[in-house]
PDB file of N, CA and C in Angstrom:
ATOM      1  N   MET A   1     -61.198-195.406  78.498  1.00  0.00           N
ATOM      2  CA  MET A   1     -60.214-194.971  79.451  1.00  0.00           C
ATOM      3  C   MET A   1     -58.837-194.999  78.806  1.00  0.00           C
ATOM      4  N   SER A   2     -57.998-194.042  79.132  1.00  0.00           N
ATOM      5  CA  SER A   2     -56.671-193.980  78.538  1.00  0.00           C
ATOM      6  C   SER A   2     -55.771-195.067  79.112  1.00  0.00           C
ATOM      7  N   SER A   3     -54.687-195.311  78.400  1.00  0.00           N
ATOM      8  CA  SER A   3     -53.763-196.337  78.865  1.00  0.00           C
ATOM      9  C   SER A   3     -52.978-195.824  80.069  1.00  0.00           C
ATOM     10  N   ILE A   4     -52.383-196.749  80.788  1.00  0.00           N
ATOM     11  CA  ILE A   4     -51.628-196.416  81.990  1.00  0.00           C
ATOM     12  C   ILE A   4     -50.215-196.016  81.575  1.00  0.00           C
ATOM     13  N   PRO A   5     -49.720-194.865  82.026  1.00  0.00           N
ATOM     14  CA  PRO A   5     -48.371-194.431  81.659  1.00  0.00           C
ATOM     15  C   PRO A   5     -47.302-195.431  82.116  1.00  0.00           C
ATOM     16  N   GLU A   6     -46.248-195.526  81.341  1.00  0.00           N
ATOM     17  CA  GLU A   6     -45.164-196.473  81.636  1.00  0.00           C
ATOM     18  C   GLU A   6     -44.533-196.219  83.005  1.00  0.00           C
ATOM     19  N   ARG A   7     -44.393-194.957  83.390  1.00  0.00           N
ATOM     20  CA  ARG A   7     -43.775-194.666  84.692  1.00  0.00           C
ATOM     21  C   ARG A   7     -44.633-195.190  85.843  1.00  0.00           C
ATOM     22  N   ILE A   8     -45.946-195.176  85.678  1.00  0.00           N
ATOM     23  CA  ILE A   8     -46.845-195.698  86.708  1.00  0.00           C
ATOM     24  C   ILE A   8     -46.696-197.212  86.800  1.00  0.00           C
ATOM     25  N   VAL A   9     -46.603-197.867  85.665  1.00  0.00           N
ATOM     26  CA  VAL A   9     -46.422-199.324  85.647  1.00  0.00           C
ATOM     27  C   VAL A   9     -45.112-199.693  86.335  1.00  0.00           C
ATOM     28  N   ARG A  10     -44.037-198.953  86.045  1.00  0.00           N
ATOM     29  CA  ARG A  10     -42.737-199.232  86.681  1.00  0.00           C
ATOM     30  C   ARG A  10     -42.810-199.006  88.187  1.00  0.00           C
ATOM     31  N   GLN A  11     -43.407-197.893  88.598  1.00  0.00           N
ATOM     32  CA  GLN A  11     -43.500-197.589  90.029  1.00  0.00           C
ATOM     33  C   GLN A  11     -44.351-198.618  90.769  1.00  0.00           C
ATOM     34  N   SER A  12     -45.383-199.121  90.115  1.00  0.00           N
ATOM     35  CA  SER A  12     -46.291-200.049  90.784  1.00  0.00           C
ATOM     36  C   SER A  12     -45.627-201.381  91.102  1.00  0.00           C
ATOM     37  N   SER A  13     -44.648-201.785  90.316  1.00  0.00           N
ATOM     38  CA  SER A  13     -43.986-203.067  90.568  1.00  0.00           C
ATOM     39  C   SER A  13     -42.707-202.914  91.381  1.00  0.00           C
ATOM     40  N   ASP A  14     -42.409-201.693  91.816  1.00  0.00           N
ATOM     41  CA  ASP A  14     -41.221-201.434  92.619  1.00  0.00           C
ATOM     42  C   ASP A  14     -41.428-201.968  94.040  1.00  0.00           C
ATOM     43  N   PRO A  15     -40.518-202.829  94.512  1.00  0.00           N
ATOM     44  CA  PRO A  15     -40.672-203.393  95.864  1.00  0.00           C
ATOM     45  C   PRO A  15     -40.618-202.354  96.986  1.00  0.00           C
ATOM     46  N   SER A  16     -40.072-201.175  96.712  1.00  0.00           N
ATOM     47  CA  SER A  16     -39.984-200.159  97.766  1.00  0.00           C
ATOM     48  C   SER A  16     -41.330-199.478  98.045  1.00  0.00           C
ATOM     49  N   LEU A  17     -42.315-199.674  97.167  1.00  0.00           N
ATOM     50  CA  LEU A  17     -43.661-199.145  97.422  1.00  0.00           C
ATOM     51  C   LEU A  17     -44.268-199.946  98.577  1.00  0.00           C
ATOM     52  N   LYS A  18     -44.609-199.266  99.643  1.00  0.00           N
ATOM     53  CA  LYS A  18     -45.080-199.930 100.861  1.00  0.00           C
ATOM     54  C   LYS A  18     -46.584-200.172 100.837  1.00  0.00           C
ATOM     55  N   VAL A  19     -46.983-201.273 101.473  1.00  0.00           N
ATOM     56  CA  VAL A  19     -48.405-201.599 101.639  1.00  0.00           C
ATOM     57  C   VAL A  19     -49.002-200.605 102.629  1.00  0.00           C
ATOM     58  N   THR A  20     -50.107-199.961 102.235  1.00  0.00           N
ATOM     59  CA  THR A  20     -50.749-198.998 103.131  1.00  0.00           C
ATOM     60  C   THR A  20     -52.185-199.381 103.473  1.00  0.00           C
ATOM     61  N   VAL A  21     -52.735-200.379 102.779  1.00  0.00           N
ATOM     62  CA  VAL A  21     -54.081-200.872 103.087  1.00  0.00           C
ATOM     63  C   VAL A  21     -54.007-202.390 103.158  1.00  0.00           C
ATOM     64  N   ARG A  22     -54.584-202.949 104.220  1.00  0.00           N
ATOM     65  CA  ARG A  22     -54.621-204.409 104.374  1.00  0.00           C
ATOM     66  C   ARG A  22     -56.065-204.874 104.461  1.00  0.00           C
ATOM     67  N   ILE A  23     -56.362-205.930 103.707  1.00  0.00           N
ATOM     68  CA  ILE A  23     -57.697-206.522 103.739  1.00  0.00           C
ATOM     69  C   ILE A  23     -57.622-207.730 104.657  1.00  0.00           C
ATOM     70  N   GLY A  24     -58.369-207.697 105.746  1.00  0.00           N
ATOM     71  CA  GLY A  24     -58.343-208.756 106.741  1.00  0.00           C
ATOM     72  C   GLY A  24     -59.330-209.865 106.454  1.00  0.00           C
ATOM     73  N   LYS A  25     -59.570-210.682 107.477  1.00  0.00           N
ATOM     74  CA  LYS A  25     -60.419-211.865 107.303  1.00  0.00           C
ATOM     75  C   LYS A  25     -61.872-211.526 106.994  1.00  0.00           C
ATOM     76  N   SER A  26     -62.301-210.300 107.307  1.00  0.00           N
ATOM     77  CA  SER A  26     -63.682-209.920 106.996  1.00  0.00           C
ATOM     78  C   SER A  26     -63.846-209.495 105.540  1.00  0.00           C
ATOM     79  N   GLY A  27     -62.753-209.451 104.793  1.00  0.00           N
ATOM     80  CA  GLY A  27     -62.825-209.174 103.359  1.00  0.00           C
ATOM     81  C   GLY A  27     -62.926-207.697 103.039  1.00  0.00           C
ATOM     82  N   SER A  28     -63.393-207.427 101.841  1.00  0.00           N
ATOM     83  CA  SER A  28     -63.511-206.058 101.341  1.00  0.00           C
ATOM     84  C   SER A  28     -64.774-205.417 101.919  1.00  0.00           C
ATOM     85  N   THR A  29     -64.589-204.628 102.965  1.00  0.00           N
ATOM     86  CA  THR A  29     -65.717-203.985 103.639  1.00  0.00           C
ATOM     87  C   THR A  29     -65.844-202.530 103.181  1.00  0.00           C
ATOM     88  N   ASP A  30     -66.904-201.869 103.629  1.00  0.00           N
ATOM     89  CA  ASP A  30     -67.088-200.448 103.325  1.00  0.00           C
ATOM     90  C   ASP A  30     -65.931-199.622 103.883  1.00  0.00           C
ATOM     91  N   ALA A  31     -65.392-200.038 105.029  1.00  0.00           N
ATOM     92  CA  ALA A  31     -64.267-199.321 105.631  1.00  0.00           C
ATOM     93  C   ALA A  31     -63.018-199.425 104.753  1.00  0.00           C
ATOM     94  N   ILE A  32     -62.797-200.574 104.145  1.00  0.00           N
ATOM     95  CA  ILE A  32     -61.654-200.760 103.239  1.00  0.00           C
ATOM     96  C   ILE A  32     -61.818-199.858 102.019  1.00  0.00           C
ATOM     97  N   VAL A  33     -63.013-199.842 101.458  1.00  0.00           N
ATOM     98  CA  VAL A  33     -63.292-199.000 100.285  1.00  0.00           C
ATOM     99  C   VAL A  33     -63.080-197.526 100.637  1.00  0.00           C
ATOM    100  N   ALA A  34     -63.590-197.102 101.786  1.00  0.00           N
ATOM    101  CA  ALA A  34     -63.445-195.706 102.211  1.00  0.00           C
ATOM    102  C   ALA A  34     -61.976-195.344 102.423  1.00  0.00           C
ATOM    103  N   GLU A  35     -61.218-196.234 103.046  1.00  0.00           N
ATOM    104  CA  GLU A  35     -59.795-195.981 103.283  1.00  0.00           C
ATOM    105  C   GLU A  35     -59.026-195.886 101.967  1.00  0.00           C
ATOM    106  N   LEU A  36     -59.316-196.784 101.045  1.00  0.00           N
ATOM    107  CA  LEU A  36     -58.655-196.753  99.743  1.00  0.00           C
ATOM    108  C   LEU A  36     -58.998-195.459  98.995  1.00  0.00           C
ATOM    109  N   GLU A  37     -60.259-195.053  99.040  1.00  0.00           N
ATOM    110  CA  GLU A  37     -60.667-193.791  98.404  1.00  0.00           C
ATOM    111  C   GLU A  37     -59.929-192.604  99.012  1.00  0.00           C
ATOM    112  N   ASP A  38     -59.832-192.576 100.346  1.00  0.00           N
ATOM    113  CA  ASP A  38     -59.138-191.480 101.027  1.00  0.00           C
ATOM    114  C   ASP A  38     -57.670-191.414 100.614  1.00  0.00           C
ATOM    115  N   GLN A  39     -57.018-192.568 100.577  1.00  0.00           N
ATOM    116  CA  GLN A  39     -55.603-192.582 100.213  1.00  0.00           C
ATOM    117  C   GLN A  39     -55.387-192.202  98.755  1.00  0.00           C
ATOM    118  N   LEU A  40     -56.307-192.594  97.882  1.00  0.00           N
ATOM    119  CA  LEU A  40     -56.172-192.256  96.466  1.00  0.00           C
ATOM    120  C   LEU A  40     -56.349-190.762  96.212  1.00  0.00           C
ATOM    121  N   LYS A  41     -56.974-190.050  97.156  1.00  0.00           N
ATOM    122  CA  LYS A  41     -57.117-188.600  97.018  1.00  0.00           C
ATOM    123  C   LYS A  41     -55.774-187.893  97.207  1.00  0.00           C
ATOM    124  N   THR A  42     -54.909-188.469  98.033  1.00  0.00           N
ATOM    125  CA  THR A  42     -53.636-187.821  98.344  1.00  0.00           C
ATOM    126  C   THR A  42     -52.424-188.518  97.730  1.00  0.00           C
ATOM    127  N   ARG A  43     -52.587-189.766  97.328  1.00  0.00           N
ATOM    128  CA  ARG A  43     -51.469-190.527  96.760  1.00  0.00           C
ATOM    129  C   ARG A  43     -51.833-190.998  95.363  1.00  0.00           C
ATOM    130  N   GLU A  44     -50.852-191.032  94.502  1.00  0.00           N
ATOM    131  CA  GLU A  44     -51.092-191.486  93.136  1.00  0.00           C
ATOM    132  C   GLU A  44     -51.244-193.009  93.083  1.00  0.00           C
ATOM    133  N   LEU A  45     -50.411-193.712  93.859  1.00  0.00           N
ATOM    134  CA  LEU A  45     -50.447-195.174  93.905  1.00  0.00           C
ATOM    135  C   LEU A  45     -50.693-195.646  95.328  1.00  0.00           C
ATOM    136  N   VAL A  46     -51.539-196.659  95.469  1.00  0.00           N
ATOM    137  CA  VAL A  46     -51.808-197.255  96.779  1.00  0.00           C
ATOM    138  C   VAL A  46     -51.651-198.763  96.645  1.00  0.00           C
ATOM    139  N   LYS A  47     -50.843-199.327  97.537  1.00  0.00           N
ATOM    140  CA  LYS A  47     -50.586-200.766  97.523  1.00  0.00           C
ATOM    141  C   LYS A  47     -51.465-201.434  98.581  1.00  0.00           C
ATOM    142  N   VAL A  48     -52.167-202.476  98.158  1.00  0.00           N
ATOM    143  CA  VAL A  48     -53.114-203.187  99.022  1.00  0.00           C
ATOM    144  C   VAL A  48     -52.679-204.638  99.136  1.00  0.00           C
ATOM    145  N   LYS A  49     -52.727-205.157 100.355  1.00  0.00           N
ATOM    146  CA  LYS A  49     -52.396-206.565 100.572  1.00  0.00           C
ATOM    147  C   LYS A  49     -53.602-207.257 101.189  1.00  0.00           C
ATOM    148  N   ALA A  50     -53.980-208.375 100.600  1.00  0.00           N
ATOM    149  CA  ALA A  50     -55.116-209.149 101.099  1.00  0.00           C
ATOM    150  C   ALA A  50     -54.609-210.304 101.950  1.00  0.00           C
ATOM    151  N   ASN A  51     -55.305-210.557 103.038  1.00  0.00           N
ATOM    152  CA  ASN A  51     -55.002-211.700 103.885  1.00  0.00           C
ATOM    153  C   ASN A  51     -55.120-212.978 103.053  1.00  0.00           C
ATOM    154  N   ARG A  52     -54.198-213.895 103.205  1.00  0.00           N
ATOM    155  CA  ARG A  52     -54.205-215.113 102.387  1.00  0.00           C
ATOM    156  C   ARG A  52     -55.489-215.922 102.519  1.00  0.00           C
ATOM    157  N   GLY A  53     -56.141-215.856 103.636  1.00  0.00           N
ATOM    158  CA  GLY A  53     -57.322-216.669 103.871  1.00  0.00           C
ATOM    159  C   GLY A  53     -58.611-216.163 103.246  1.00  0.00           C
ATOM    160  N   ILE A  54     -58.615-214.956 102.686  1.00  0.00           N
ATOM    161  CA  ILE A  54     -59.889-214.416 102.200  1.00  0.00           C
ATOM    162  C   ILE A  54     -60.284-214.913 100.822  1.00  0.00           C
ATOM    163  N   ALA A  55     -59.337-215.452 100.073  1.00  0.00           N
ATOM    164  CA  ALA A  55     -59.659-215.924  98.722  1.00  0.00           C
ATOM    165  C   ALA A  55     -59.040-217.299  98.504  1.00  0.00           C
ATOM    166  N   GLY A  56     -59.829-218.183  97.935  1.00  0.00           N
ATOM    167  CA  GLY A  56     -59.360-219.541  97.713  1.00  0.00           C
ATOM    168  C   GLY A  56     -58.383-219.688  96.570  1.00  0.00           C
ATOM    169  N   ASP A  57     -58.557-218.896  95.521  1.00  0.00           N
ATOM    170  CA  ASP A  57     -57.659-219.017  94.373  1.00  0.00           C
ATOM    171  C   ASP A  57     -57.391-217.643  93.765  1.00  0.00           C
ATOM    172  N   SER A  58     -56.548-217.626  92.752  1.00  0.00           N
ATOM    173  CA  SER A  58     -56.144-216.345  92.159  1.00  0.00           C
ATOM    174  C   SER A  58     -57.306-215.619  91.490  1.00  0.00           C
ATOM    175  N   GLN A  59     -58.259-216.353  90.939  1.00  0.00           N
ATOM    176  CA  GLN A  59     -59.402-215.701  90.292  1.00  0.00           C
ATOM    177  C   GLN A  59     -60.253-214.949  91.313  1.00  0.00           C
ATOM    178  N   GLU A  60     -60.429-215.526  92.500  1.00  0.00           N
ATOM    179  CA  GLU A  60     -61.184-214.836  93.554  1.00  0.00           C
ATOM    180  C   GLU A  60     -60.475-213.551  93.978  1.00  0.00           C
ATOM    181  N   ARG A  61     -59.133-213.608  94.110  1.00  0.00           N
ATOM    182  CA  ARG A  61     -58.372-212.400  94.461  1.00  0.00           C
ATOM    183  C   ARG A  61     -58.511-211.345  93.369  1.00  0.00           C
ATOM    184  N   THR A  62     -58.423-211.783  92.121  1.00  0.00           N
ATOM    185  CA  THR A  62     -58.582-210.851  91.002  1.00  0.00           C
ATOM    186  C   THR A  62     -59.956-210.197  91.042  1.00  0.00           C
ATOM    187  N   ASP A  63     -60.981-210.984  91.340  1.00  0.00           N
ATOM    188  CA  ASP A  63     -62.340-210.442  91.442  1.00  0.00           C
ATOM    189  C   ASP A  63     -62.451-209.410  92.564  1.00  0.00           C
ATOM    190  N   ILE A  64     -61.828-209.698  93.709  1.00  0.00           N
ATOM    191  CA  ILE A  64     -61.854-208.771  94.845  1.00  0.00           C
ATOM    192  C   ILE A  64     -61.169-207.462  94.469  1.00  0.00           C
ATOM    193  N   PHE A  65     -59.977-207.562  93.871  1.00  0.00           N
ATOM    194  CA  PHE A  65     -59.231-206.361  93.500  1.00  0.00           C
ATOM    195  C   PHE A  65     -59.947-205.578  92.399  1.00  0.00           C
ATOM    196  N   SER A  66     -60.535-206.268  91.439  1.00  0.00           N
ATOM    197  CA  SER A  66     -61.282-205.586  90.367  1.00  0.00           C
ATOM    198  C   SER A  66     -62.495-204.857  90.930  1.00  0.00           C
ATOM    199  N   SER A  67     -63.157-205.495  91.887  1.00  0.00           N
ATOM    200  CA  SER A  67     -64.305-204.876  92.537  1.00  0.00           C
ATOM    201  C   SER A  67     -63.889-203.608  93.286  1.00  0.00           C
ATOM    202  N   LEU A  68     -62.765-203.681  93.996  1.00  0.00           N
ATOM    203  CA  LEU A  68     -62.261-202.495  94.698  1.00  0.00           C
ATOM    204  C   LEU A  68     -61.957-201.368  93.717  1.00  0.00           C
ATOM    205  N   ALA A  69     -61.365-201.704  92.586  1.00  0.00           N
ATOM    206  CA  ALA A  69     -61.034-200.687  91.584  1.00  0.00           C
ATOM    207  C   ALA A  69     -62.296-200.004  91.065  1.00  0.00           C
ATOM    208  N   SER A  70     -63.323-200.783  90.789  1.00  0.00           N
ATOM    209  CA  SER A  70     -64.549-200.172  90.266  1.00  0.00           C
ATOM    210  C   SER A  70     -65.272-199.353  91.337  1.00  0.00           C
ATOM    211  N   GLU A  71     -65.253-199.823  92.585  1.00  0.00           N
ATOM    212  CA  GLU A  71     -65.915-199.085  93.667  1.00  0.00           C
ATOM    213  C   GLU A  71     -65.222-197.761  93.976  1.00  0.00           C
ATOM    214  N   THR A  72     -63.904-197.731  93.803  1.00  0.00           N
ATOM    215  CA  THR A  72     -63.144-196.518  94.125  1.00  0.00           C
ATOM    216  C   THR A  72     -62.844-195.672  92.890  1.00  0.00           C
ATOM    217  N   LYS A  73     -63.324-196.120  91.730  1.00  0.00           N
ATOM    218  CA  LYS A  73     -63.074-195.420  90.461  1.00  0.00           C
ATOM    219  C   LYS A  73     -61.582-195.231  90.213  1.00  0.00           C
ATOM    220  N   SER A  74     -60.811-196.272  90.525  1.00  0.00           N
ATOM    221  CA  SER A  74     -59.371-196.258  90.302  1.00  0.00           C
ATOM    222  C   SER A  74     -59.021-197.330  89.275  1.00  0.00           C
ATOM    223  N   ARG A  75     -57.746-197.466  88.988  1.00  0.00           N
ATOM    224  CA  ARG A  75     -57.287-198.470  88.027  1.00  0.00           C
ATOM    225  C   ARG A  75     -56.406-199.477  88.747  1.00  0.00           C
ATOM    226  N   LEU A  76     -56.634-200.746  88.486  1.00  0.00           N
ATOM    227  CA  LEU A  76     -55.775-201.809  89.002  1.00  0.00           C
ATOM    228  C   LEU A  76     -54.577-201.894  88.069  1.00  0.00           C
ATOM    229  N   VAL A  77     -53.406-201.485  88.563  1.00  0.00           N
ATOM    230  CA  VAL A  77     -52.218-201.387  87.725  1.00  0.00           C
ATOM    231  C   VAL A  77     -51.382-202.652  87.785  1.00  0.00           C
ATOM    232  N   PHE A  78     -51.300-203.253  88.965  1.00  0.00           N
ATOM    233  CA  PHE A  78     -50.385-204.373  89.179  1.00  0.00           C
ATOM    234  C   PHE A  78     -51.006-205.326  90.182  1.00  0.00           C
ATOM    235  N   GLN A  79     -50.879-206.603  89.912  1.00  0.00           N
ATOM    236  CA  GLN A  79     -51.331-207.610  90.871  1.00  0.00           C
ATOM    237  C   GLN A  79     -50.397-208.803  90.807  1.00  0.00           C
ATOM    238  N   ARG A  80     -49.943-209.231  91.969  1.00  0.00           N
ATOM    239  CA  ARG A  80     -49.146-210.444  92.077  1.00  0.00           C
ATOM    240  C   ARG A  80     -49.530-211.105  93.391  1.00  0.00           C
ATOM    241  N   GLY A  81     -50.053-212.312  93.287  1.00  0.00           N
ATOM    242  CA  GLY A  81     -50.466-213.023  94.490  1.00  0.00           C
ATOM    243  C   GLY A  81     -51.551-212.265  95.225  1.00  0.00           C
ATOM    244  N   ASN A  82     -51.287-211.994  96.503  1.00  0.00           N
ATOM    245  CA  ASN A  82     -52.291-211.315  97.319  1.00  0.00           C
ATOM    246  C   ASN A  82     -52.004-209.816  97.484  1.00  0.00           C
ATOM    247  N   VAL A  83     -51.229-209.260  96.552  1.00  0.00           N
ATOM    248  CA  VAL A  83     -50.882-207.843  96.584  1.00  0.00           C
ATOM    249  C   VAL A  83     -51.333-207.180  95.283  1.00  0.00           C
ATOM    250  N   ALA A  84     -51.908-205.984  95.407  1.00  0.00           N
ATOM    251  CA  ALA A  84     -52.339-205.228  94.229  1.00  0.00           C
ATOM    252  C   ALA A  84     -51.997-203.757  94.430  1.00  0.00           C
ATOM    253  N   VAL A  85     -51.802-203.067  93.304  1.00  0.00           N
ATOM    254  CA  VAL A  85     -51.522-201.636  93.340  1.00  0.00           C
ATOM    255  C   VAL A  85     -52.584-200.923  92.518  1.00  0.00           C
ATOM    256  N   PHE A  86     -53.170-199.891  93.123  1.00  0.00           N
ATOM    257  CA  PHE A  86     -54.218-199.105  92.484  1.00  0.00           C
ATOM    258  C   PHE A  86     -53.679-197.720  92.149  1.00  0.00           C
ATOM    259  N   TRP A  87     -54.113-197.196  91.010  1.00  0.00           N
ATOM    260  CA  TRP A  87     -53.699-195.877  90.532  1.00  0.00           C
ATOM    261  C   TRP A  87     -54.905-194.958  90.517  1.00  0.00           C
ATOM    262  N   SER A  88     -54.708-193.752  91.020  1.00  0.00           N
ATOM    263  CA  SER A  88     -55.806-192.787  91.095  1.00  0.00           C
ATOM    264  C   SER A  88     -56.225-192.269  89.724  1.00  0.00           C
ATOM    265  N   GLY A  89     -55.360-192.356  88.739  1.00  0.00           N
ATOM    266  CA  GLY A  89     -55.683-191.884  87.401  1.00  0.00           C
ATOM    267  C   GLY A  89     -55.329-190.435  87.163  1.00  0.00           C
ATOM    268  N   ARG A  90     -54.690-189.815  88.145  1.00  0.00           N
ATOM    269  CA  ARG A  90     -54.287-188.410  88.001  1.00  0.00           C
ATOM    270  C   ARG A  90     -53.016-188.309  87.205  1.00  0.00           C
TER     271      ARG A  90
END
């Protein structure tokens, strides 16, 4: 896979990028995956926020976000705490 362009990395860490997908207490469900896929079709970057209670530590959150990236065939560009940004790869 090619590297992520610098402009995408800069945009992904910009605080003005709004959260458009939220992962609730039921975790990463099929509905979350479908919503993320739909948004990635129309948007280059999608910001996802996970409920604090769904993961005990940072490694669990990383695993959840990595799993979402592989299920949606997107790239995990940025992660800080319970927030991650996915890139469609376009």
